[in-house]
Protein backbone atom coordinates (compact mmCIF):
# COMPACT_ATOMS: atom_id res chain seq x y z
CA MET A 1 0.00 0.00 0.00
CA GLY A 2 1.34 3.41 -0.99
CA HIS A 3 0.65 6.84 0.41
CA ILE A 4 -0.49 9.35 -2.23
CA PHE A 5 -1.02 13.09 -1.74
CA SER A 6 -3.68 14.25 -4.19
CA LEU A 7 -3.90 18.00 -4.91
CA GLN A 8 -6.81 18.53 -7.26
CA SER A 9 -10.17 20.19 -7.71
CA HIS A 10 -13.32 18.75 -6.14
CA VAL A 11 -17.00 18.71 -7.05
CA VAL A 12 -19.85 17.99 -4.66
CA TYR A 13 -22.02 16.46 -7.39
CA GLY A 14 -20.59 14.09 -9.96
CA HIS A 15 -17.07 13.03 -10.82
CA ALA A 16 -14.17 15.37 -11.59
CA GLY A 17 -10.85 16.06 -9.93
CA ASN A 18 -10.52 14.40 -6.55
CA ALA A 19 -14.16 13.30 -6.79
CA ALA A 20 -13.09 11.10 -9.71
CA ALA A 21 -9.52 10.19 -8.79
CA VAL A 22 -9.52 9.38 -5.09
CA PHE A 23 -11.82 6.35 -5.07
CA PRO A 24 -9.89 4.41 -7.76
CA MET A 25 -6.64 5.01 -5.89
CA GLN A 26 -8.23 3.79 -2.67
CA ARG A 27 -9.84 0.84 -4.44
CA LEU A 28 -6.38 -0.17 -5.59
CA GLY A 29 -5.21 -0.25 -2.00
CA HIS A 30 -3.51 3.10 -1.52
CA ARG A 31 -3.86 5.55 1.33
CA VAL A 32 -4.77 8.94 -0.06
CA SER A 33 -4.31 12.30 1.63
CA ILE A 34 -6.71 14.68 -0.11
CA LEU A 35 -6.31 18.42 -0.62
CA ASN A 36 -9.08 20.09 -2.62
CA LEU A 37 -7.64 23.12 -4.42
CA LEU A 38 -11.14 24.29 -5.19
CA GLN A 39 -14.67 23.16 -4.45
CA PHE A 40 -17.47 23.54 -6.99
CA SER A 41 -21.06 22.38 -6.77
CA ASN A 42 -20.47 20.44 -10.02
CA HIS A 43 -18.03 20.48 -12.90
CA THR A 44 -18.23 23.27 -15.44
CA GLY A 45 -19.52 21.00 -18.20
CA TYR A 46 -23.03 21.62 -16.87
CA GLY A 47 -22.75 25.28 -17.82
CA SER A 48 -23.69 26.55 -14.37
CA TRP A 49 -21.90 26.01 -11.07
CA GLY A 50 -21.06 27.55 -7.73
CA GLY A 51 -17.97 27.55 -5.55
CA GLN A 52 -14.46 28.84 -5.61
CA ALA A 53 -10.78 28.04 -5.32
CA ILE A 54 -9.20 28.15 -1.91
CA SER A 55 -6.94 31.15 -1.38
CA ALA A 56 -3.16 30.95 -1.41
CA LYS A 57 -3.22 31.77 2.30
CA GLU A 58 -5.56 28.84 3.03
CA LEU A 59 -3.46 26.48 0.92
CA GLU A 60 -0.27 27.57 2.67
CA GLU A 61 -1.90 27.09 6.07
CA VAL A 62 -2.97 23.55 5.17
CA LEU A 63 0.48 22.61 3.87
CA THR A 64 2.10 24.11 6.97
CA GLY A 65 -0.31 22.23 9.23
CA LEU A 66 0.53 18.95 7.51
CA GLU A 67 4.23 19.67 7.84
CA LYS A 68 3.95 20.40 11.57
CA ILE A 69 2.48 16.99 12.35
CA LYS A 70 4.71 15.23 9.79
CA ALA A 71 1.63 13.85 8.06
CA LEU A 72 3.43 13.54 4.74
CA HIS A 73 6.71 12.08 5.98
CA ASP A 74 5.97 8.68 4.42
CA LEU A 75 4.70 9.82 1.03
CA ASP A 76 5.25 7.59 -1.98
CA ALA A 77 3.70 9.88 -4.57
CA VAL A 78 2.10 13.24 -5.22
CA VAL A 79 -0.45 13.82 -7.96
CA SER A 80 -1.67 17.22 -9.08
CA GLY A 81 -4.49 18.13 -11.44
CA TYR A 82 -6.52 21.28 -12.07
CA ILE A 83 -4.89 24.32 -10.46
CA GLY A 84 -7.26 27.12 -9.47
CA SER A 85 -4.94 30.15 -9.43
CA ILE A 86 -1.40 31.19 -10.25
CA GLU A 87 -0.80 31.71 -6.52
CA GLN A 88 -1.68 28.06 -5.94
CA ALA A 89 0.72 27.09 -8.73
CA TYR A 90 3.63 28.88 -7.04
CA LEU A 91 2.91 27.16 -3.73
CA ILE A 92 2.62 23.74 -5.36
CA ARG A 93 5.94 24.25 -7.12
CA ASP A 94 7.66 25.28 -3.89
CA PHE A 95 6.10 22.34 -2.04
CA ILE A 96 7.30 19.82 -4.65
CA VAL A 97 10.80 21.33 -4.72
CA THR A 98 11.10 21.05 -0.93
CA LEU A 99 9.60 17.56 -0.87
CA LYS A 100 11.97 16.29 -3.55
CA LYS A 101 14.97 17.60 -1.62
CA GLN A 102 13.84 15.83 1.53
CA HIS A 103 12.52 12.66 -0.14
CA PRO A 104 14.10 12.19 -3.59
CA ASN A 105 12.28 8.90 -4.24
CA VAL A 106 8.78 10.38 -4.03
CA ILE A 107 7.08 10.16 -7.43
CA TYR A 108 5.47 13.35 -8.72
CA CYS A 109 2.77 12.70 -11.31
CA CYS A 110 1.41 15.82 -13.01
CA ASP A 111 -1.90 15.79 -14.84
CA PRO A 112 -1.34 19.08 -16.73
CA VAL A 113 -4.99 20.17 -16.85
CA MET A 114 -5.12 23.08 -19.28
CA GLY A 115 -7.75 22.35 -21.90
CA ASP A 116 -9.00 20.05 -24.64
CA ASP A 117 -9.86 20.03 -28.32
CA ASP A 118 -13.52 20.92 -27.75
CA ARG A 119 -13.02 23.94 -25.48
CA GLY A 120 -9.46 25.04 -26.09
CA ILE A 121 -7.49 26.39 -23.12
CA TYR A 122 -9.80 26.74 -20.11
CA VAL A 123 -7.33 27.77 -17.42
CA LYS A 124 -5.89 31.25 -17.08
CA PRO A 125 -2.99 31.85 -19.50
CA THR A 126 -0.59 32.45 -16.60
CA ILE A 127 -1.43 29.02 -15.17
CA ALA A 128 -0.98 27.28 -18.52
CA GLU A 129 2.38 28.96 -19.02
CA PHE A 130 3.49 28.04 -15.49
CA ILE A 131 2.57 24.38 -16.04
CA GLN A 132 4.48 24.37 -19.35
CA THR A 133 7.64 25.95 -17.94
CA GLU A 134 7.78 25.21 -14.21
CA ILE A 135 5.47 22.40 -13.05
CA ILE A 136 6.46 19.91 -15.74
CA ARG A 137 10.12 20.53 -14.94
CA MET A 138 9.69 18.74 -11.57
CA ALA A 139 7.49 15.86 -12.75
CA ASP A 140 8.45 12.21 -12.99
CA TRP A 141 5.33 11.42 -15.02
CA VAL A 142 2.93 13.63 -16.96
CA THR A 143 -0.46 12.54 -18.27
CA PRO A 144 -1.70 15.05 -20.86
CA ASN A 145 -4.49 14.64 -23.36
CA ALA A 146 -3.57 15.25 -27.00
CA PHE A 147 -4.43 18.96 -26.80
CA GLU A 148 -2.34 19.43 -23.65
CA LEU A 149 0.54 17.46 -25.16
CA SER A 150 0.57 19.84 -28.12
CA LEU A 151 0.80 22.81 -25.71
CA LEU A 152 3.57 21.25 -23.61
CA ALA A 153 5.68 20.34 -26.63
CA ASP A 154 4.67 23.35 -28.74
CA SER A 155 3.92 20.91 -31.53
CA ARG A 156 0.95 20.26 -33.79
CA ILE A 157 -0.48 16.78 -33.26
CA ASN A 158 -2.52 15.26 -36.05
CA ASN A 159 -1.74 11.58 -35.55
CA ARG A 160 0.05 9.04 -33.39
CA GLU A 161 3.40 9.71 -35.02
CA ASP A 162 3.15 13.43 -34.19
CA ALA A 163 2.28 12.54 -30.59
CA LEU A 164 5.26 10.18 -30.33
CA LEU A 165 7.63 12.89 -31.58
CA ALA A 166 6.11 15.41 -29.15
CA CYS A 167 6.65 13.04 -26.21
CA GLN A 168 10.23 12.36 -27.24
CA LYS A 169 10.83 16.11 -27.49
CA LEU A 170 9.61 16.62 -23.92
CA LEU A 171 11.75 13.77 -22.62
CA ARG A 172 14.82 15.42 -24.15
CA GLN A 173 13.83 18.82 -22.77
CA PHE A 174 13.06 17.75 -19.18
CA PRO A 175 15.62 15.36 -17.65
CA SER A 176 13.47 14.56 -14.59
CA LEU A 177 10.73 12.96 -16.68
CA GLN A 178 10.56 9.18 -16.54
CA GLY A 179 7.77 9.01 -19.05
CA ILE A 180 4.58 10.40 -20.55
CA LEU A 181 1.15 8.80 -20.74
CA ALA A 182 -0.82 10.69 -23.38
CA THR A 183 -4.55 10.15 -23.86
CA SER A 184 -6.93 10.78 -26.77
CA ILE A 185 -4.29 9.54 -29.22
CA SER A 186 -6.29 7.83 -31.93
CA THR A 187 -5.44 5.90 -35.06
CA SER A 188 -8.90 6.31 -36.60
CA PRO A 189 -12.09 8.36 -36.01
CA LEU A 190 -13.76 5.30 -34.46
CA LYS A 191 -11.05 4.72 -31.88
CA THR A 192 -9.32 6.42 -29.02
CA GLY A 193 -6.16 5.37 -27.31
CA MET A 194 -3.27 5.91 -24.96
CA LEU A 195 0.35 6.45 -25.91
CA LEU A 196 3.09 5.64 -23.39
CA VAL A 197 6.58 6.95 -24.09
CA THR A 198 9.57 6.40 -21.81
CA ARG A 199 13.25 7.05 -22.44
CA HIS A 200 13.72 3.57 -23.85
CA ALA A 201 10.40 2.47 -25.34
CA ALA A 202 6.97 3.44 -26.65
CA TYR A 203 3.62 1.66 -26.53
CA HIS A 204 0.12 2.35 -27.81
CA ASN A 205 -3.27 0.98 -26.80
CA ASP A 206 -6.31 1.36 -29.06
CA MET A 207 -9.89 1.20 -27.77
CA PRO A 208 -13.35 1.83 -29.25
CA LYS A 209 -14.57 5.41 -29.03
CA TYR A 210 -18.01 6.05 -27.50
CA ASP A 211 -20.11 9.17 -28.01
CA LEU A 212 -20.69 10.16 -24.39
CA PRO A 213 -22.94 12.98 -23.16
CA THR A 214 -21.13 16.30 -22.78
CA SER A 215 -21.75 16.14 -19.03
CA VAL A 216 -19.42 13.16 -18.62
CA HIS A 217 -16.09 14.40 -17.29
CA GLY A 218 -13.33 12.89 -15.19
CA THR A 219 -11.84 10.33 -17.58
CA GLY A 220 -8.47 12.05 -17.50
CA ASP A 221 -8.50 12.24 -13.70
CA VAL A 222 -9.33 8.53 -13.46
CA THR A 223 -6.66 7.63 -16.01
CA THR A 224 -3.95 9.41 -14.04
CA ALA A 225 -5.12 7.92 -10.74
CA ILE A 226 -5.19 4.33 -11.97
CA PHE A 227 -1.91 4.56 -13.88
CA LEU A 228 -0.07 6.01 -10.88
CA SER A 229 -1.63 3.40 -8.60
CA HIS A 230 -0.29 0.56 -10.72
CA ILE A 231 3.14 2.17 -10.96
CA LEU A 232 3.23 2.26 -7.16
CA HIS A 233 2.39 -1.45 -7.17
CA ASN A 234 5.59 -1.92 -9.20
CA ALA A 235 3.83 -2.72 -12.46
CA THR A 236 6.00 -2.00 -15.48
CA PRO A 237 4.83 1.16 -17.31
CA PRO A 238 3.33 -0.75 -20.29
CA ILE A 239 1.43 -3.10 -17.96
CA ALA A 240 0.24 -0.10 -15.91
CA MET A 241 -1.03 1.55 -19.10
CA GLU A 242 -2.70 -1.64 -20.29
CA ARG A 243 -4.57 -2.09 -17.01
CA THR A 244 -5.54 1.58 -17.01
CA ALA A 245 -6.84 1.45 -20.57
CA ASN A 246 -8.93 -1.64 -19.94
CA THR A 247 -10.41 -0.26 -16.72
CA LEU A 248 -11.26 3.04 -18.37
CA HIS A 249 -12.86 1.25 -21.31
CA THR A 250 -15.12 -0.67 -18.91
CA MET A 251 -16.19 2.58 -17.21
CA VAL A 252 -16.82 4.41 -20.45
CA LYS A 253 -18.72 1.53 -22.07
CA TYR A 254 -20.95 1.12 -19.02
CA THR A 255 -21.58 4.87 -19.00
CA TYR A 256 -22.50 4.76 -22.70
CA ASP A 257 -24.62 1.60 -22.51
CA HIS A 258 -26.67 2.97 -19.61
CA GLN A 259 -26.76 6.53 -20.96
CA LEU A 260 -25.46 7.96 -17.69
CA THR A 261 -24.65 11.65 -17.30
CA GLU A 262 -21.67 10.95 -15.02
CA LEU A 263 -18.79 8.51 -15.41
CA ALA A 264 -19.65 5.03 -14.06
CA ILE A 265 -16.89 4.76 -11.48
CA ILE A 266 -18.87 3.10 -8.69
CA PRO A 267 -20.93 0.61 -10.78
CA VAL A 268 -17.78 -1.00 -12.23
CA GLN A 269 -15.56 -0.71 -9.17
CA ASN A 270 -14.64 -4.41 -9.18
CA LYS A 271 -13.06 -3.89 -12.59
CA ILE A 272 -10.77 -1.22 -11.13
CA GLU A 273 -9.02 -3.92 -9.17
CA LYS A 274 -9.31 -6.68 -11.78
CA PRO A 275 -9.84 -5.24 -15.27
CA ASP A 276 -10.72 -7.45 -18.20
CA GLN A 277 -7.75 -7.78 -20.54
CA LEU A 278 -9.55 -6.85 -23.74
CA PHE A 279 -7.09 -4.50 -25.38
CA LEU A 280 -3.38 -5.29 -25.43
CA SER A 281 -0.63 -2.73 -25.93
CA THR A 282 1.36 -2.49 -29.15
CA ASP A 283 5.11 -2.05 -28.80
CA LEU A 284 6.21 0.83 -31.03
CA SER A 285 9.88 0.68 -30.07
């Protein structure tokens, strides 16, 4: 069992941010310390919501309080997702820098939440720039979607080959990176997939694409959570990706088949722990 510190957004209703990521990590046997960088009534895909990000002062107080009682002394990993303000971004960077100095073996997994193909960039430009130049610099793993990968690498991505080159560019640029798990990398309009690129290998996993309601969010958060969980269980990166892809496919297919408006995390929870091996990874090395 690992100890994961999850710094993400939270919604009261539905699944996004910590409300999507925490349960899969727990279901896979990890202890999760949860810090909600913002709390909304629901995710923004509904068009209307209430809530706000916590202030930098509140975030600093929480981090200081955790430090005083040594609550994070045994951390195995940190995962970050949506960042609510540039002030939060500065504090997260400083926290990771200090943590890495004290505990060099802690894994930092960054889900660089900045936008997607449908909506473009949906964080403030200062936050997107900070993620691209500062946050990624400290990460061991990053888990962008195709749109976010194009921003990080400053590259146009039209196909799997473009995505592979973009990942390799980032690995050359940022020495701390162990690897990149990119999502929404498809080989045809009827498929979606994941691309895993490390310093020594590359793998791709293709899955059917389902036309989900626009209200269904959280797939990226779940992907990051499950992938990191398997890495902490000492799965090799390609096996971790394969298990993640198959679990996510089960969730998405159930959501589609039952026409749900939120991702079916709870109904298929047994498959989080033991996913069906339907889609095997292709070695691109």
